[in-house]
């Protein structure tokens, strides 16, 4: 299956194309301009693969959590492409993508992901690698860093920007159950293709209208308004 993947949920903006078994990818760190950047990235991918958007069979996308604006951009672009091409979508958790990136690069089985959610909170979740793929333990949530603690007595590797922003608090929480910390892991479109293939095999393909964002923070719009006061 030919899969186009995109992620605009964090400062790591990325797009990837799996075409005839070959992977093409573009990644750029940026704080703004995701909507223009992601469209240019996708054009570059198709040029590099010497093909067009007409070949894609599905669109995978980062569904959040992450930047409120970034999540909306990614969902909107993915949904627009899926409607236009009449192909299904595959929503991928950004937290799971971070965990999978860490599992692949660090060769670890128990990953505690914490992404900086601003406003004194983190997006967090715990994952366990099984047969090479990370699986969620418990649930994803947004909370103060003081509330994120190990799910078991395993040795955990802490990954994500939240571990950089709240290093002391999180290290104290995990204490003797913390094996290592690796802050610079981000969700990427290439990792999302790996996870998307799992969803394809399981038959979890969704119609375009079900391309929905996951913010975790229900009152995000209210909090953003409060920030501007």
Protein backbone atom coordinates (compact mmCIF):
# COMPACT_ATOMS: atom_id res chain seq x y z
CA UNK A 1 0.00 0.00 0.00
CA UNK A 2 1.24 3.48 -0.88
CA UNK A 3 0.87 5.73 2.18
CA UNK A 4 1.33 9.47 2.55
CA UNK A 5 1.98 10.56 6.15
CA UNK A 6 2.20 14.01 7.66
CA UNK A 7 2.65 15.52 11.09
CA UNK A 8 2.38 19.17 12.13
CA UNK A 9 1.56 18.71 15.83
CA UNK A 10 4.90 19.86 17.25
CA UNK A 11 7.92 21.93 16.28
CA UNK A 12 9.07 18.93 14.23
CA UNK A 13 7.10 19.31 10.99
CA UNK A 14 7.40 16.27 8.73
CA UNK A 15 6.02 14.42 5.74
CA UNK A 16 6.79 10.94 4.45
CA UNK A 17 5.77 8.82 1.49
CA UNK A 18 5.84 5.04 1.28
CA UNK A 19 5.71 4.33 -2.45
CA UNK A 20 6.24 0.89 -3.94
CA UNK A 21 8.09 -0.19 -0.81
CA UNK A 22 10.46 2.79 -0.74
CA UNK A 23 10.37 5.47 1.96
CA UNK A 24 10.83 9.17 1.23
CA UNK A 25 10.88 11.74 4.04
CA UNK A 26 11.18 15.44 4.80
CA UNK A 27 11.63 16.88 8.33
CA UNK A 28 12.12 20.46 9.48
CA UNK A 29 12.16 22.04 12.92
CA UNK A 30 10.03 25.17 13.06
CA UNK A 31 7.86 27.09 15.50
CA UNK A 32 5.38 28.40 12.90
CA UNK A 33 4.27 28.24 9.28
CA UNK A 34 3.37 24.54 9.37
CA UNK A 35 0.56 24.84 6.83
CA UNK A 36 2.78 26.25 4.07
CA UNK A 37 5.73 24.06 5.00
CA UNK A 38 3.85 20.75 4.95
CA UNK A 39 2.41 21.38 1.48
CA UNK A 40 5.86 22.14 0.10
CA UNK A 41 7.27 19.02 1.74
CA UNK A 42 4.65 16.83 0.13
CA UNK A 43 5.39 18.30 -3.30
CA UNK A 44 9.08 17.54 -2.79
CA UNK A 45 8.32 13.94 -1.82
CA UNK A 46 6.32 13.25 -4.97
CA UNK A 47 9.03 14.84 -7.12
CA UNK A 48 11.69 12.74 -5.43
CA UNK A 49 9.63 9.57 -5.90
CA UNK A 50 8.89 10.60 -9.51
CA UNK A 51 5.18 10.13 -9.05
CA UNK A 52 2.05 12.10 -8.10
CA UNK A 53 -0.48 12.23 -5.32
CA UNK A 54 -2.79 10.08 -7.44
CA UNK A 55 -0.86 6.94 -6.39
CA UNK A 56 -1.63 7.13 -2.67
CA UNK A 57 -3.94 4.56 -1.09
CA UNK A 58 -4.24 6.13 2.38
CA UNK A 59 -3.26 9.22 4.37
CA UNK A 60 -1.76 8.83 7.84
CA UNK A 61 -1.55 11.88 10.07
CA UNK A 62 -0.59 13.01 13.55
CA UNK A 63 -3.93 13.43 15.30
CA UNK A 64 -2.46 14.98 18.44
CA UNK A 65 -1.93 15.81 21.16
CA UNK A 66 0.27 18.79 20.44
CA UNK A 67 0.05 22.42 19.46
CA UNK A 68 -3.61 23.40 19.09
CA UNK A 69 -2.97 25.14 15.77
CA UNK A 70 -0.56 22.47 14.56
CA UNK A 71 -3.00 19.64 15.25
CA UNK A 72 -5.74 21.47 13.35
CA UNK A 73 -3.46 22.07 10.37
CA UNK A 74 -2.49 18.40 10.11
CA UNK A 75 -6.04 17.12 10.45
CA UNK A 76 -7.30 19.65 7.91
CA UNK A 77 -4.66 18.83 5.31
CA UNK A 78 -5.07 15.07 5.76
CA UNK A 79 -8.84 15.30 5.54
CA UNK A 80 -8.71 17.51 2.47
CA UNK A 81 -6.42 15.10 0.62
CA UNK A 82 -8.49 12.08 1.65
CA UNK A 83 -11.73 13.68 0.45
CA UNK A 84 -10.17 14.82 -2.83
CA UNK A 85 -8.56 11.45 -3.59
CA UNK A 86 -11.35 9.33 -2.06
CA UNK A 87 -8.91 7.41 0.14
CA UNK A 88 -9.10 6.46 3.85
CA UNK A 89 -7.25 8.11 6.72
CA UNK A 90 -5.15 6.61 9.51
CA UNK A 91 -4.95 8.75 12.67
CA UNK A 92 -1.73 8.24 14.65
CA UNK A 93 -1.08 9.40 18.21
CA UNK A 94 1.86 11.77 18.46
CA UNK A 95 2.74 10.29 21.85
CA UNK A 96 2.83 6.79 20.37
CA UNK A 97 5.00 8.06 17.51
CA UNK A 98 7.47 9.51 20.01
CA UNK A 99 7.53 6.21 21.90
CA UNK A 100 8.08 4.20 18.71
CA UNK A 101 10.91 6.51 17.65
CA UNK A 102 12.59 5.97 21.01
CA UNK A 103 12.02 2.20 20.94
CA UNK A 104 13.60 1.96 17.48
CA UNK A 105 16.58 4.23 18.11
CA UNK A 106 17.36 3.31 21.71
CA UNK A 107 16.30 -0.36 21.59
CA UNK A 108 14.21 -0.14 24.76
CA UNK A 109 10.95 -1.79 25.82
CA UNK A 110 9.42 0.53 28.43
CA UNK A 111 8.99 4.14 27.41
CA UNK A 112 7.51 7.00 29.44
CA UNK A 113 6.64 9.82 27.04
CA UNK A 114 6.18 13.37 28.31
CA UNK A 115 5.67 16.21 25.83
CA UNK A 116 5.65 19.81 27.02
CA UNK A 117 2.02 21.01 26.88
CA UNK A 118 2.84 24.53 28.14
CA UNK A 119 0.82 26.18 30.92
CA UNK A 120 2.58 24.03 33.53
CA UNK A 121 1.35 20.72 32.08
CA UNK A 122 2.54 17.78 30.01
CA UNK A 123 0.97 15.38 27.53
CA UNK A 124 2.02 11.98 28.77
CA UNK A 125 1.59 8.23 28.36
CA UNK A 126 3.48 5.00 29.00
CA UNK A 127 4.25 2.37 26.37
CA UNK A 128 5.62 -1.14 26.18
CA UNK A 129 7.29 -2.56 23.08
CA UNK A 130 5.97 -5.93 21.91
CA UNK A 131 7.24 -7.59 18.73
CA UNK A 132 8.88 -4.33 17.75
CA UNK A 133 5.78 -2.14 18.07
CA UNK A 134 4.91 0.03 21.08
CA UNK A 135 1.54 -0.43 22.77
CA UNK A 136 -0.17 1.99 25.11
CA UNK A 137 -0.35 1.13 28.81
CA UNK A 138 -3.28 2.86 30.48
CA UNK A 139 -4.32 6.06 28.75
CA UNK A 140 -2.98 9.28 27.27
CA UNK A 141 -3.55 12.36 29.39
CA UNK A 142 -2.66 15.95 30.06
CA UNK A 143 -1.66 16.79 33.63
CA UNK A 144 0.86 18.64 35.81
CA UNK A 145 4.24 16.86 35.70
CA UNK A 146 3.89 15.98 39.40
CA UNK A 147 1.13 13.52 38.47
CA UNK A 148 3.04 11.46 35.89
CA UNK A 149 4.51 8.42 37.62
CA UNK A 150 5.66 4.93 36.56
CA UNK A 151 2.97 2.37 35.76
CA UNK A 152 5.02 -0.51 37.14
CA UNK A 153 8.32 -1.40 38.78
CA UNK A 154 10.03 -1.76 35.39
CA UNK A 155 13.00 0.33 34.35
CA UNK A 156 11.64 3.17 32.23
CA UNK A 157 13.27 5.40 29.68
CA UNK A 158 11.86 8.94 29.78
CA UNK A 159 11.56 10.58 26.37
CA UNK A 160 10.14 13.79 24.97
CA UNK A 161 10.34 17.53 25.51
CA UNK A 162 8.49 17.36 28.82
CA UNK A 163 11.51 15.63 30.33
CA UNK A 164 13.61 18.62 29.38
CA UNK A 165 11.18 21.20 30.70
CA UNK A 166 10.36 19.39 33.97
CA UNK A 167 13.49 17.31 34.46
CA UNK A 168 13.74 17.49 38.25
CA UNK A 169 10.07 16.78 38.96
CA UNK A 170 9.84 13.83 36.57
CA UNK A 171 13.12 12.30 37.72
CA UNK A 172 11.88 12.50 41.31
CA UNK A 173 8.60 10.84 40.29
CA UNK A 174 10.31 7.88 38.62
CA UNK A 175 13.27 7.74 41.03
CA UNK A 176 14.84 4.24 41.00
CA UNK A 177 12.54 3.14 38.15
CA UNK A 178 14.21 5.51 35.69
CA UNK A 179 16.89 3.94 33.51
CA UNK A 180 17.63 6.88 31.24
CA UNK A 181 16.28 10.14 29.80
CA UNK A 182 16.36 11.16 26.13
CA UNK A 183 14.64 14.49 25.57
CA UNK A 184 15.05 14.99 21.84
CA UNK A 185 12.53 12.54 20.42
CA UNK A 186 9.69 13.91 18.33
CA UNK A 187 6.80 12.44 16.36
CA UNK A 188 7.83 12.01 12.72
CA UNK A 189 5.89 11.07 9.61
CA UNK A 190 8.24 8.17 8.81
CA UNK A 191 7.56 6.57 12.19
CA UNK A 192 3.84 7.18 11.62
CA UNK A 193 4.08 5.11 8.44
CA UNK A 194 5.45 2.22 10.51
CA UNK A 195 2.48 2.52 12.87
CA UNK A 196 0.06 3.08 9.98
CA UNK A 197 1.05 -0.24 8.46
CA UNK A 198 0.01 -1.93 11.70
CA UNK A 199 -3.39 -0.21 11.45
CA UNK A 200 -3.74 -1.28 7.82
CA UNK A 201 -3.09 -4.93 8.69
CA UNK A 202 -5.69 -4.68 11.46
CA UNK A 203 -8.22 -3.16 9.07
CA UNK A 204 -8.45 0.09 11.01
CA UNK A 205 -8.88 2.46 8.08
CA UNK A 206 -11.30 5.35 8.52
CA UNK A 207 -13.29 7.48 6.07
CA UNK A 208 -12.13 11.07 5.60
CA UNK A 209 -14.91 12.54 7.73
CA UNK A 210 -13.54 10.65 10.73
CA UNK A 211 -10.19 12.46 10.58
CA UNK A 212 -10.56 14.06 13.99
CA UNK A 213 -8.10 15.85 16.29
CA UNK A 214 -7.20 14.70 19.80
CA UNK A 215 -6.30 17.63 22.01
CA UNK A 216 -6.60 15.95 25.45
CA UNK A 217 -7.02 19.42 26.90
CA UNK A 218 -10.77 20.01 26.51
CA UNK A 219 -10.67 23.68 27.38
CA UNK A 220 -7.68 24.52 25.21
CA UNK A 221 -9.41 27.44 23.47
CA UNK A 222 -10.32 29.01 26.82
CA UNK A 223 -6.78 28.64 28.14
CA UNK A 224 -5.30 30.17 24.99
CA UNK A 225 -7.61 33.16 25.42
CA UNK A 226 -6.53 33.52 29.02
CA UNK A 227 -2.88 33.57 27.94
CA UNK A 228 -3.52 36.67 25.84
CA UNK A 229 -4.88 38.73 28.75
